[in-house]
Amino acid sequence: MKKTFASVALLCGVGLIVAGCGCGVHGADDGVKSSLTDAESRDHDIAVVVGGDWKKLTAEQKAKFIKDYGNEQTAKAMLQRMAHPPNGVSAPKPKA
């Protein structure tokens, strides 16, 4: 009886370890993360090219920034922050 109980306990323990190992939890990219990263990268590149100057954006770019960041004031602030990071490190120029 004790041997059977020990075997069952051991099998349950191994089962829990295998089930909790996270295998497959971080599977293939579903495209959401990469599409967000691509959009952020494009916004950053635009911000660097115009030097954070809202007036240099096209009407379409302004509309996209406002849509993405909620309102014009926040969009302008994000454009400035992307072009001139607060840590003082200048943003790299996008590749042509």
PDB file of N, CA and C in Angstrom:
ATOM      1  N   MET A   1       0.822  -1.187   0.000  1.00  0.00           N
ATOM      2  CA  MET A   1       0.000   0.000   0.000  1.00  0.00           C
ATOM      3  C   MET A   1       0.874   1.262   0.000  1.00  0.00           C
ATOM      4  N   LYS A   2       1.922   1.242   0.853  1.00  0.00           N
ATOM      5  CA  LYS A   2       2.807   2.408   0.916  1.00  0.00           C
ATOM      6  C   LYS A   2       3.542   2.602  -0.405  1.00  0.00           C
ATOM      7  N   LYS A   3       3.904   1.475  -1.072  1.00  0.00           N
ATOM      8  CA  LYS A   3       4.598   1.561  -2.341  1.00  0.00           C
ATOM      9  C   LYS A   3       3.687   2.169  -3.407  1.00  0.00           C
ATOM     10  N   THR A   4       2.429   1.780  -3.392  1.00  0.00           N
ATOM     11  CA  THR A   4       1.469   2.299  -4.369  1.00  0.00           C
ATOM     12  C   THR A   4       1.260   3.788  -4.140  1.00  0.00           C
ATOM     13  N   PHE A   5       1.102   4.198  -2.901  1.00  0.00           N
ATOM     14  CA  PHE A   5       0.909   5.611  -2.578  1.00  0.00           C
ATOM     15  C   PHE A   5       2.122   6.435  -3.005  1.00  0.00           C
ATOM     16  N   ALA A   6       3.319   5.909  -2.744  1.00  0.00           N
ATOM     17  CA  ALA A   6       4.554   6.608  -3.122  1.00  0.00           C
ATOM     18  C   ALA A   6       4.657   6.729  -4.642  1.00  0.00           C
ATOM     19  N   SER A   7       4.282   5.675  -5.358  1.00  0.00           N
ATOM     20  CA  SER A   7       4.325   5.711  -6.817  1.00  0.00           C
ATOM     21  C   SER A   7       3.349   6.735  -7.370  1.00  0.00           C
ATOM     22  N   VAL A   8       2.134   6.751  -6.803  1.00  0.00           N
ATOM     23  CA  VAL A   8       1.122   7.710  -7.254  1.00  0.00           C
ATOM     24  C   VAL A   8       1.586   9.136  -6.961  1.00  0.00           C
ATOM     25  N   ALA A   9       2.137   9.355  -5.791  1.00  0.00           N
ATOM     26  CA  ALA A   9       2.623  10.681  -5.415  1.00  0.00           C
ATOM     27  C   ALA A   9       3.752  11.122  -6.341  1.00  0.00           C
ATOM     28  N   LEU A  10       4.649  10.191  -6.662  1.00  0.00           N
ATOM     29  CA  LEU A  10       5.759  10.508  -7.559  1.00  0.00           C
ATOM     30  C   LEU A  10       5.249  10.855  -8.956  1.00  0.00           C
ATOM     31  N   LEU A  11       4.304  10.073  -9.466  1.00  0.00           N
ATOM     32  CA  LEU A  11       3.735  10.352 -10.785  1.00  0.00           C
ATOM     33  C   LEU A  11       3.018  11.697 -10.815  1.00  0.00           C
ATOM     34  N   CYS A  12       2.275  12.015  -9.758  1.00  0.00           N
ATOM     35  CA  CYS A  12       1.592  13.317  -9.685  1.00  0.00           C
ATOM     36  C   CYS A  12       2.604  14.455  -9.659  1.00  0.00           C
ATOM     37  N   GLY A  13       3.665  14.289  -8.902  1.00  0.00           N
ATOM     38  CA  GLY A  13       4.706  15.316  -8.829  1.00  0.00           C
ATOM     39  C   GLY A  13       5.366  15.544 -10.172  1.00  0.00           C
ATOM     40  N   VAL A  14       5.696  14.457 -10.859  1.00  0.00           N
ATOM     41  CA  VAL A  14       6.304  14.572 -12.189  1.00  0.00           C
ATOM     42  C   VAL A  14       5.320  15.218 -13.158  1.00  0.00           C
ATOM     43  N   GLY A  15       4.052  14.840 -13.066  1.00  0.00           N
ATOM     44  CA  GLY A  15       3.021  15.432 -13.927  1.00  0.00           C
ATOM     45  C   GLY A  15       2.896  16.923 -13.716  1.00  0.00           C
ATOM     46  N   LEU A  16       2.939  17.355 -12.472  1.00  0.00           N
ATOM     47  CA  LEU A  16       2.852  18.789 -12.175  1.00  0.00           C
ATOM     48  C   LEU A  16       4.067  19.543 -12.713  1.00  0.00           C
ATOM     49  N   ILE A  17       5.216  18.944 -12.590  1.00  0.00           N
ATOM     50  CA  ILE A  17       6.435  19.595 -13.085  1.00  0.00           C
ATOM     51  C   ILE A  17       6.377  19.738 -14.602  1.00  0.00           C
ATOM     52  N   VAL A  18       5.986  18.670 -15.277  1.00  0.00           N
ATOM     53  CA  VAL A  18       5.915  18.707 -16.737  1.00  0.00           C
ATOM     54  C   VAL A  18       4.840  19.689 -17.193  1.00  0.00           C
ATOM     55  N   ALA A  19       3.688  19.686 -16.527  1.00  0.00           N
ATOM     56  CA  ALA A  19       2.588  20.588 -16.916  1.00  0.00           C
ATOM     57  C   ALA A  19       2.945  22.042 -16.659  1.00  0.00           C
ATOM     58  N   GLY A  20       3.724  22.298 -15.644  1.00  0.00           N
ATOM     59  CA  GLY A  20       4.054  23.672 -15.285  1.00  0.00           C
ATOM     60  C   GLY A  20       5.337  24.194 -15.882  1.00  0.00           C
ATOM     61  N   CYS A  21       5.960  23.439 -16.763  1.00  0.00           N
ATOM     62  CA  CYS A  21       7.255  23.868 -17.293  1.00  0.00           C
ATOM     63  C   CYS A  21       7.135  25.032 -18.270  1.00  0.00           C
ATOM     64  N   GLY A  22       5.911  25.319 -18.743  1.00  0.00           N
ATOM     65  CA  GLY A  22       5.727  26.436 -19.655  1.00  0.00           C
ATOM     66  C   GLY A  22       6.019  26.076 -21.092  1.00  0.00           C
ATOM     67  N   CYS A  23       6.169  24.810 -21.366  1.00  0.00           N
ATOM     68  CA  CYS A  23       6.447  24.385 -22.736  1.00  0.00           C
ATOM     69  C   CYS A  23       5.302  24.799 -23.641  1.00  0.00           C
ATOM     70  N   GLY A  24       5.592  25.542 -24.669  1.00  0.00           N
ATOM     71  CA  GLY A  24       4.573  25.950 -25.614  1.00  0.00           C
ATOM     72  C   GLY A  24       3.823  27.210 -25.216  1.00  0.00           C
ATOM     73  N   VAL A  25       4.025  27.718 -24.013  1.00  0.00           N
ATOM     74  CA  VAL A  25       3.327  28.920 -23.580  1.00  0.00           C
ATOM     75  C   VAL A  25       3.779  30.124 -24.388  1.00  0.00           C
ATOM     76  N   HIS A  26       5.043  30.188 -24.668  1.00  0.00           N
ATOM     77  CA  HIS A  26       5.603  31.299 -25.438  1.00  0.00           C
ATOM     78  C   HIS A  26       5.833  30.839 -26.870  1.00  0.00           C
ATOM     79  N   GLY A  27       4.780  30.401 -27.501  1.00  0.00           N
ATOM     80  CA  GLY A  27       4.869  29.829 -28.839  1.00  0.00           C
ATOM     81  C   GLY A  27       5.180  30.868 -29.890  1.00  0.00           C
ATOM     82  N   ALA A  28       4.806  30.550 -31.096  1.00  0.00           N
ATOM     83  CA  ALA A  28       5.101  31.411 -32.233  1.00  0.00           C
ATOM     84  C   ALA A  28       4.427  32.773 -32.087  1.00  0.00           C
ATOM     85  N   ASP A  29       5.062  33.778 -32.640  1.00  0.00           N
ATOM     86  CA  ASP A  29       4.530  35.138 -32.617  1.00  0.00           C
ATOM     87  C   ASP A  29       3.233  35.184 -33.403  1.00  0.00           C
ATOM     88  N   ASP A  30       2.184  35.734 -32.776  1.00  0.00           N
ATOM     89  CA  ASP A  30       0.887  35.803 -33.454  1.00  0.00           C
ATOM     90  C   ASP A  30       0.765  37.049 -34.330  1.00  0.00           C
ATOM     91  N   GLY A  31       1.800  37.845 -34.414  1.00  0.00           N
ATOM     92  CA  GLY A  31       1.794  39.019 -35.274  1.00  0.00           C
ATOM     93  C   GLY A  31       1.431  40.302 -34.565  1.00  0.00           C
ATOM     94  N   VAL A  32       0.805  40.207 -33.396  1.00  0.00           N
ATOM     95  CA  VAL A  32       0.391  41.421 -32.683  1.00  0.00           C
ATOM     96  C   VAL A  32       1.607  42.184 -32.189  1.00  0.00           C
ATOM     97  N   LYS A  33       2.506  41.484 -31.516  1.00  0.00           N
ATOM     98  CA  LYS A  33       3.686  42.156 -30.971  1.00  0.00           C
ATOM     99  C   LYS A  33       4.544  42.739 -32.090  1.00  0.00           C
ATOM    100  N   SER A  34       4.752  41.976 -33.148  1.00  0.00           N
ATOM    101  CA  SER A  34       5.609  42.477 -34.223  1.00  0.00           C
ATOM    102  C   SER A  34       4.956  43.644 -34.951  1.00  0.00           C
ATOM    103  N   SER A  35       3.627  43.639 -35.091  1.00  0.00           N
ATOM    104  CA  SER A  35       2.972  44.764 -35.769  1.00  0.00           C
ATOM    105  C   SER A  35       3.038  46.015 -34.905  1.00  0.00           C
ATOM    106  N   LEU A  36       2.936  45.857 -33.577  1.00  0.00           N
ATOM    107  CA  LEU A  36       3.072  47.012 -32.693  1.00  0.00           C
ATOM    108  C   LEU A  36       4.491  47.555 -32.759  1.00  0.00           C
ATOM    109  N   THR A  37       5.463  46.685 -32.749  1.00  0.00           N
ATOM    110  CA  THR A  37       6.853  47.110 -32.823  1.00  0.00           C
ATOM    111  C   THR A  37       7.123  47.820 -34.140  1.00  0.00           C
ATOM    112  N   ASP A  38       6.564  47.312 -35.235  1.00  0.00           N
ATOM    113  CA  ASP A  38       6.747  47.958 -36.539  1.00  0.00           C
ATOM    114  C   ASP A  38       6.141  49.357 -36.542  1.00  0.00           C
ATOM    115  N   ALA A  39       4.937  49.504 -35.964  1.00  0.00           N
ATOM    116  CA  ALA A  39       4.275  50.807 -35.921  1.00  0.00           C
ATOM    117  C   ALA A  39       5.072  51.786 -35.067  1.00  0.00           C
ATOM    118  N   GLU A  40       5.573  51.320 -33.921  1.00  0.00           N
ATOM    119  CA  GLU A  40       6.389  52.179 -33.063  1.00  0.00           C
ATOM    120  C   GLU A  40       7.669  52.592 -33.770  1.00  0.00           C
ATOM    121  N   SER A  41       8.253  51.679 -34.497  1.00  0.00           N
ATOM    122  CA  SER A  41       9.482  51.972 -35.218  1.00  0.00           C
ATOM    123  C   SER A  41       9.230  53.022 -36.309  1.00  0.00           C
ATOM    124  N   ARG A  42       8.106  52.889 -37.019  1.00  0.00           N
ATOM    125  CA  ARG A  42       7.776  53.876 -38.056  1.00  0.00           C
ATOM    126  C   ARG A  42       7.540  55.248 -37.431  1.00  0.00           C
ATOM    127  N   ASP A  43       6.816  55.295 -36.309  1.00  0.00           N
ATOM    128  CA  ASP A  43       6.586  56.575 -35.629  1.00  0.00           C
ATOM    129  C   ASP A  43       7.914  57.191 -35.193  1.00  0.00           C
ATOM    130  N   HIS A  44       8.801  56.363 -34.662  1.00  0.00           N
ATOM    131  CA  HIS A  44      10.107  56.851 -34.217  1.00  0.00           C
ATOM    132  C   HIS A  44      10.898  57.413 -35.393  1.00  0.00           C
ATOM    133  N   ASP A  45      10.889  56.684 -36.499  1.00  0.00           N
ATOM    134  CA  ASP A  45      11.632  57.139 -37.681  1.00  0.00           C
ATOM    135  C   ASP A  45      11.099  58.484 -38.180  1.00  0.00           C
ATOM    136  N   ILE A  46       9.786  58.627 -38.197  1.00  0.00           N
ATOM    137  CA  ILE A  46       9.172  59.894 -38.626  1.00  0.00           C
ATOM    138  C   ILE A  46       9.588  61.011 -37.678  1.00  0.00           C
ATOM    139  N   ALA A  47       9.535  60.744 -36.380  1.00  0.00           N
ATOM    140  CA  ALA A  47       9.887  61.756 -35.383  1.00  0.00           C
ATOM    141  C   ALA A  47      11.330  62.225 -35.549  1.00  0.00           C
ATOM    142  N   VAL A  48      12.225  61.302 -35.811  1.00  0.00           N
ATOM    143  CA  VAL A  48      13.638  61.648 -35.969  1.00  0.00           C
ATOM    144  C   VAL A  48      13.845  62.469 -37.245  1.00  0.00           C
ATOM    145  N   VAL A  49      13.198  62.054 -38.326  1.00  0.00           N
ATOM    146  CA  VAL A  49      13.359  62.763 -39.604  1.00  0.00           C
ATOM    147  C   VAL A  49      12.896  64.212 -39.495  1.00  0.00           C
ATOM    148  N   VAL A  50      11.756  64.451 -38.820  1.00  0.00           N
ATOM    149  CA  VAL A  50      11.243  65.825 -38.705  1.00  0.00           C
ATOM    150  C   VAL A  50      11.829  66.552 -37.502  1.00  0.00           C
ATOM    151  N   GLY A  51      12.685  65.873 -36.751  1.00  0.00           N
ATOM    152  CA  GLY A  51      13.331  66.500 -35.602  1.00  0.00           C
ATOM    153  C   GLY A  51      12.365  66.868 -34.486  1.00  0.00           C
ATOM    154  N   GLY A  52      11.241  66.166 -34.422  1.00  0.00           N
ATOM    155  CA  GLY A  52      10.258  66.443 -33.382  1.00  0.00           C
ATOM    156  C   GLY A  52       9.383  67.646 -33.670  1.00  0.00           C
ATOM    157  N   ASP A  53       9.508  68.220 -34.863  1.00  0.00           N
ATOM    158  CA  ASP A  53       8.749  69.422 -35.230  1.00  0.00           C
ATOM    159  C   ASP A  53       7.390  69.043 -35.812  1.00  0.00           C
ATOM    160  N   TRP A  54       6.335  69.311 -35.076  1.00  0.00           N
ATOM    161  CA  TRP A  54       4.968  68.982 -35.471  1.00  0.00           C
ATOM    162  C   TRP A  54       4.596  69.616 -36.812  1.00  0.00           C
ATOM    163  N   LYS A  55       5.102  70.808 -37.053  1.00  0.00           N
ATOM    164  CA  LYS A  55       4.759  71.535 -38.283  1.00  0.00           C
ATOM    165  C   LYS A  55       5.312  70.865 -39.539  1.00  0.00           C
ATOM    166  N   LYS A  56       6.324  70.030 -39.394  1.00  0.00           N
ATOM    167  CA  LYS A  56       6.923  69.365 -40.548  1.00  0.00           C
ATOM    168  C   LYS A  56       6.191  68.083 -40.945  1.00  0.00           C
ATOM    169  N   LEU A  57       5.239  67.642 -40.141  1.00  0.00           N
ATOM    170  CA  LEU A  57       4.467  66.442 -40.466  1.00  0.00           C
ATOM    171  C   LEU A  57       3.431  66.762 -41.533  1.00  0.00           C
ATOM    172  N   THR A  58       3.129  65.768 -42.352  1.00  0.00           N
ATOM    173  CA  THR A  58       2.039  65.933 -43.309  1.00  0.00           C
ATOM    174  C   THR A  58       0.715  65.814 -42.552  1.00  0.00           C
ATOM    175  N   ALA A  59      -0.365  66.208 -43.197  1.00  0.00           N
ATOM    176  CA  ALA A  59      -1.684  66.101 -42.571  1.00  0.00           C
ATOM    177  C   ALA A  59      -1.999  64.648 -42.211  1.00  0.00           C
ATOM    178  N   GLU A  60      -1.608  63.712 -43.072  1.00  0.00           N
ATOM    179  CA  GLU A  60      -1.850  62.292 -42.811  1.00  0.00           C
ATOM    180  C   GLU A  60      -1.044  61.808 -41.603  1.00  0.00           C
ATOM    181  N   GLN A  61       0.208  62.248 -41.511  1.00  0.00           N
ATOM    182  CA  GLN A  61       1.041  61.853 -40.375  1.00  0.00           C
ATOM    183  C   GLN A  61       0.481  62.422 -39.073  1.00  0.00           C
ATOM    184  N   LYS A  62       0.043  63.681 -39.114  1.00  0.00           N
ATOM    185  CA  LYS A  62      -0.566  64.284 -37.920  1.00  0.00           C
ATOM    186  C   LYS A  62      -1.798  63.506 -37.495  1.00  0.00           C
ATOM    187  N   ALA A  63      -2.649  63.166 -38.463  1.00  0.00           N
ATOM    188  CA  ALA A  63      -3.873  62.421 -38.157  1.00  0.00           C
ATOM    189  C   ALA A  63      -3.541  61.060 -37.539  1.00  0.00           C
ATOM    190  N   LYS A  64      -2.510  60.397 -38.070  1.00  0.00           N
ATOM    191  CA  LYS A  64      -2.117  59.094 -37.533  1.00  0.00           C
ATOM    192  C   LYS A  64      -1.591  59.219 -36.111  1.00  0.00           C
ATOM    193  N   PHE A  65      -0.746  60.215 -35.856  1.00  0.00           N
ATOM    194  CA  PHE A  65      -0.222  60.418 -34.501  1.00  0.00           C
ATOM    195  C   PHE A  65      -1.359  60.713 -33.523  1.00  0.00           C
ATOM    196  N   ILE A  66      -2.299  61.564 -33.936  1.00  0.00           N
ATOM    197  CA  ILE A  66      -3.428  61.900 -33.052  1.00  0.00           C
ATOM    198  C   ILE A  66      -4.262  60.645 -32.786  1.00  0.00           C
ATOM    199  N   LYS A  67      -4.512  59.859 -33.829  1.00  0.00           N
ATOM    200  CA  LYS A  67      -5.292  58.618 -33.668  1.00  0.00           C
ATOM    201  C   LYS A  67      -4.563  57.652 -32.732  1.00  0.00           C
ATOM    202  N   ASP A  68      -3.257  57.503 -32.925  1.00  0.00           N
ATOM    203  CA  ASP A  68      -2.478  56.553 -32.137  1.00  0.00           C
ATOM    204  C   ASP A  68      -2.305  56.977 -30.683  1.00  0.00           C
ATOM    205  N   TYR A  69      -2.204  58.282 -30.436  1.00  0.00           N
ATOM    206  CA  TYR A  69      -1.886  58.745 -29.082  1.00  0.00           C
ATOM    207  C   TYR A  69      -3.042  59.475 -28.394  1.00  0.00           C
ATOM    208  N   GLY A  70      -4.215  59.524 -29.035  1.00  0.00           N
ATOM    209  CA  GLY A  70      -5.411  59.990 -28.349  1.00  0.00           C
ATOM    210  C   GLY A  70      -5.826  61.418 -28.605  1.00  0.00           C
ATOM    211  N   ASN A  71      -4.901  62.357 -28.564  1.00  0.00           N
ATOM    212  CA  ASN A  71      -5.240  63.757 -28.826  1.00  0.00           C
ATOM    213  C   ASN A  71      -3.989  64.489 -29.313  1.00  0.00           C
ATOM    214  N   GLU A  72      -4.194  65.694 -29.818  1.00  0.00           N
ATOM    215  CA  GLU A  72      -3.085  66.420 -30.431  1.00  0.00           C
ATOM    216  C   GLU A  72      -1.980  66.748 -29.434  1.00  0.00           C
ATOM    217  N   GLN A  73      -2.346  67.130 -28.227  1.00  0.00           N
ATOM    218  CA  GLN A  73      -1.344  67.500 -27.231  1.00  0.00           C
ATOM    219  C   GLN A  73      -0.432  66.304 -26.898  1.00  0.00           C
ATOM    220  N   THR A  74      -1.029  65.151 -26.687  1.00  0.00           N
ATOM    221  CA  THR A  74      -0.244  63.956 -26.379  1.00  0.00           C
ATOM    222  C   THR A  74       0.581  63.538 -27.589  1.00  0.00           C
ATOM    223  N   ALA A  75      -0.005  63.644 -28.785  1.00  0.00           N
ATOM    224  CA  ALA A  75       0.718  63.287 -30.012  1.00  0.00           C
ATOM    225  C   ALA A  75       1.959  64.154 -30.175  1.00  0.00           C
ATOM    226  N   LYS A  76       1.820  65.454 -29.936  1.00  0.00           N
ATOM    227  CA  LYS A  76       2.971  66.367 -30.038  1.00  0.00           C
ATOM    228  C   LYS A  76       4.041  66.005 -29.010  1.00  0.00           C
ATOM    229  N   ALA A  77       3.608  65.691 -27.798  1.00  0.00           N
ATOM    230  CA  ALA A  77       4.556  65.324 -26.742  1.00  0.00           C
ATOM    231  C   ALA A  77       5.299  64.033 -27.108  1.00  0.00           C
ATOM    232  N   MET A  78       4.575  63.049 -27.657  1.00  0.00           N
ATOM    233  CA  MET A  78       5.215  61.797 -28.043  1.00  0.00           C
ATOM    234  C   MET A  78       6.197  62.014 -29.197  1.00  0.00           C
ATOM    235  N   LEU A  79       5.819  62.864 -30.144  1.00  0.00           N
ATOM    236  CA  LEU A  79       6.703  63.173 -31.267  1.00  0.00           C
ATOM    237  C   LEU A  79       8.010  63.779 -30.744  1.00  0.00           C
ATOM    238  N   GLN A  80       7.903  64.728 -29.827  1.00  0.00           N
ATOM    239  CA  GLN A  80       9.088  65.354 -29.228  1.00  0.00           C
ATOM    240  C   GLN A  80       9.925  64.333 -28.469  1.00  0.00           C
ATOM    241  N   ARG A  81       9.259  63.488 -27.687  1.00  0.00           N
ATOM    242  CA  ARG A  81       9.973  62.512 -26.860  1.00  0.00           C
ATOM    243  C   ARG A  81      10.700  61.486 -27.724  1.00  0.00           C
ATOM    244  N   MET A  82      10.076  61.092 -28.837  1.00  0.00           N
ATOM    245  CA  MET A  82      10.735  60.128 -29.725  1.00  0.00           C
ATOM    246  C   MET A  82      11.951  60.749 -30.410  1.00  0.00           C
ATOM    247  N   ALA A  83      11.845  62.013 -30.769  1.00  0.00           N
ATOM    248  CA  ALA A  83      12.954  62.680 -31.450  1.00  0.00           C
ATOM    249  C   ALA A  83      14.056  63.079 -30.477  1.00  0.00           C
ATOM    250  N   HIS A  84      13.670  63.441 -29.261  1.00  0.00           N
ATOM    251  CA  HIS A  84      14.625  63.909 -28.247  1.00  0.00           C
ATOM    252  C   HIS A  84      14.337  63.190 -26.930  1.00  0.00           C
ATOM    253  N   PRO A  85      14.883  61.989 -26.752  1.00  0.00           N
ATOM    254  CA  PRO A  85      14.610  61.213 -25.538  1.00  0.00           C
ATOM    255  C   PRO A  85      15.028  61.967 -24.279  1.00  0.00           C
ATOM    256  N   PRO A  86      14.288  61.768 -23.183  1.00  0.00           N
ATOM    257  CA  PRO A  86      14.568  62.498 -21.943  1.00  0.00           C
ATOM    258  C   PRO A  86      15.914  62.159 -21.310  1.00  0.00           C
ATOM    259  N   ASN A  87      16.518  61.025 -21.686  1.00  0.00           N
ATOM    260  CA  ASN A  87      17.800  60.660 -21.080  1.00  0.00           C
ATOM    261  C   ASN A  87      18.974  61.379 -21.735  1.00  0.00           C
ATOM    262  N   GLY A  88      18.672  62.231 -22.736  1.00  0.00           N
ATOM    263  CA  GLY A  88      19.714  63.030 -23.361  1.00  0.00           C
ATOM    264  C   GLY A  88      20.458  62.329 -24.482  1.00  0.00           C
ATOM    265  N   VAL A  89      20.182  61.056 -24.691  1.00  0.00           N
ATOM    266  CA  VAL A  89      20.828  60.315 -25.768  1.00  0.00           C
ATOM    267  C   VAL A  89      20.052  60.590 -27.049  1.00  0.00           C
ATOM    268  N   SER A  90      20.750  61.116 -28.059  1.00  0.00           N
ATOM    269  CA  SER A  90      20.019  61.412 -29.287  1.00  0.00           C
ATOM    270  C   SER A  90      19.625  60.134 -29.997  1.00  0.00           C
ATOM    271  N   ALA A  91      18.447  60.188 -30.573  1.00  0.00           N
ATOM    272  CA  ALA A  91      17.926  59.035 -31.295  1.00  0.00           C
ATOM    273  C   ALA A  91      18.710  58.848 -32.583  1.00  0.00           C
ATOM    274  N   PRO A  92      18.960  57.603 -32.950  1.00  0.00           N
ATOM    275  CA  PRO A  92      19.691  57.360 -34.193  1.00  0.00           C
ATOM    276  C   PRO A  92      18.848  57.744 -35.398  1.00  0.00           C
ATOM    277  N   LYS A  93      19.501  58.194 -36.443  1.00  0.00           N
ATOM    278  CA  LYS A  93      18.812  58.522 -37.687  1.00  0.00           C
ATOM    279  C   LYS A  93      18.338  57.238 -38.341  1.00  0.00           C
ATOM    280  N   PRO A  94      17.132  57.242 -38.897  1.00  0.00           N
ATOM    281  CA  PRO A  94      16.656  56.041 -39.586  1.00  0.00           C
ATOM    282  C   PRO A  94      17.470  55.775 -40.840  1.00  0.00           C
ATOM    283  N   LYS A  95      17.531  54.509 -41.208  1.00  0.00           N
ATOM    284  CA  LYS A  95      18.262  54.139 -42.426  1.00  0.00           C
ATOM    285  C   LYS A  95      17.494  54.593 -43.644  1.00  0.00           C
ATOM    286  N   ALA A  96      18.198  55.150 -44.590  1.00  0.00           N
ATOM    287  CA  ALA A  96      17.547  55.673 -45.804  1.00  0.00           C
ATOM    288  C   ALA A  96      17.180  54.574 -46.755  1.00  0.00           C
TER     289      ALA A  96
END
